[in-house]
């Protein structure tokens, strides 16, 4: 489990952050909610590196086992709400991480709509469109970065009215956009985040010149602000905590 405290600081501008021009949500007022962002477990397309947006495929048997293992790591944490993407892979993860609890479903938690790039690997996409970057370029006949930011900001506005520990069962690329927007960064900056497996890296990370995400529990690992996008394709149930 990766757990973090948001240390307040002044927000960098969209230009400073390399943003796409959309405004950052207001994070200065604070919130009583603590978010547990949990990526679903392994799927068949995660194994092959195919972009899985709205295609509704289930977890593999191994993915189900990963979710159960993650649930064991989260035992002892009292969740006030459990909210899931309605897609099967996220729902199955939530049901195994926190069994015997009802999930609420929010369509704003679904993965990025990859449009014409659905089911394709990044290598195949860049053969047709050299230099393509989803967080900057979006997807034809799918979602643009501005549309994904708007979806994340809608969800954040609702979550900031709540309190307690909130588990969100979502997806790799939308999950890091949500994390970036939660701390006031642009969608473009989400490319530096990964929902990483616990115990992989030992150091807190700086996400802008005036904002630091600090580990809240001994031995836990921050989500990493480095160029390691491979982590987004790792077929593991992953969790991240933001305040």
Foldseek 3Di string as FASTA:
>chain_A
DFEWEKDDDDFDACVQQVFPPDFFDDQPVDAQEKEKEKEFFFDPLLVVQADAFPPQGAHDPVRLVLLLVLLVVCPPFDAPAEEEAPRHRLVSSSCNSDPPDDYHYDNLQTGWFQAVRGRHHPVVVCVVPPPDDCLCANHVRTDHNVRLLVSLVVVLVVRRVDHGYYYYRHAWLSSLSNVQSNSGHHSVQSQQWGLAAWPPDDDWDDSHPIITIHGPDPRTDATGRHNDCVRRSPRHIGIHMYD
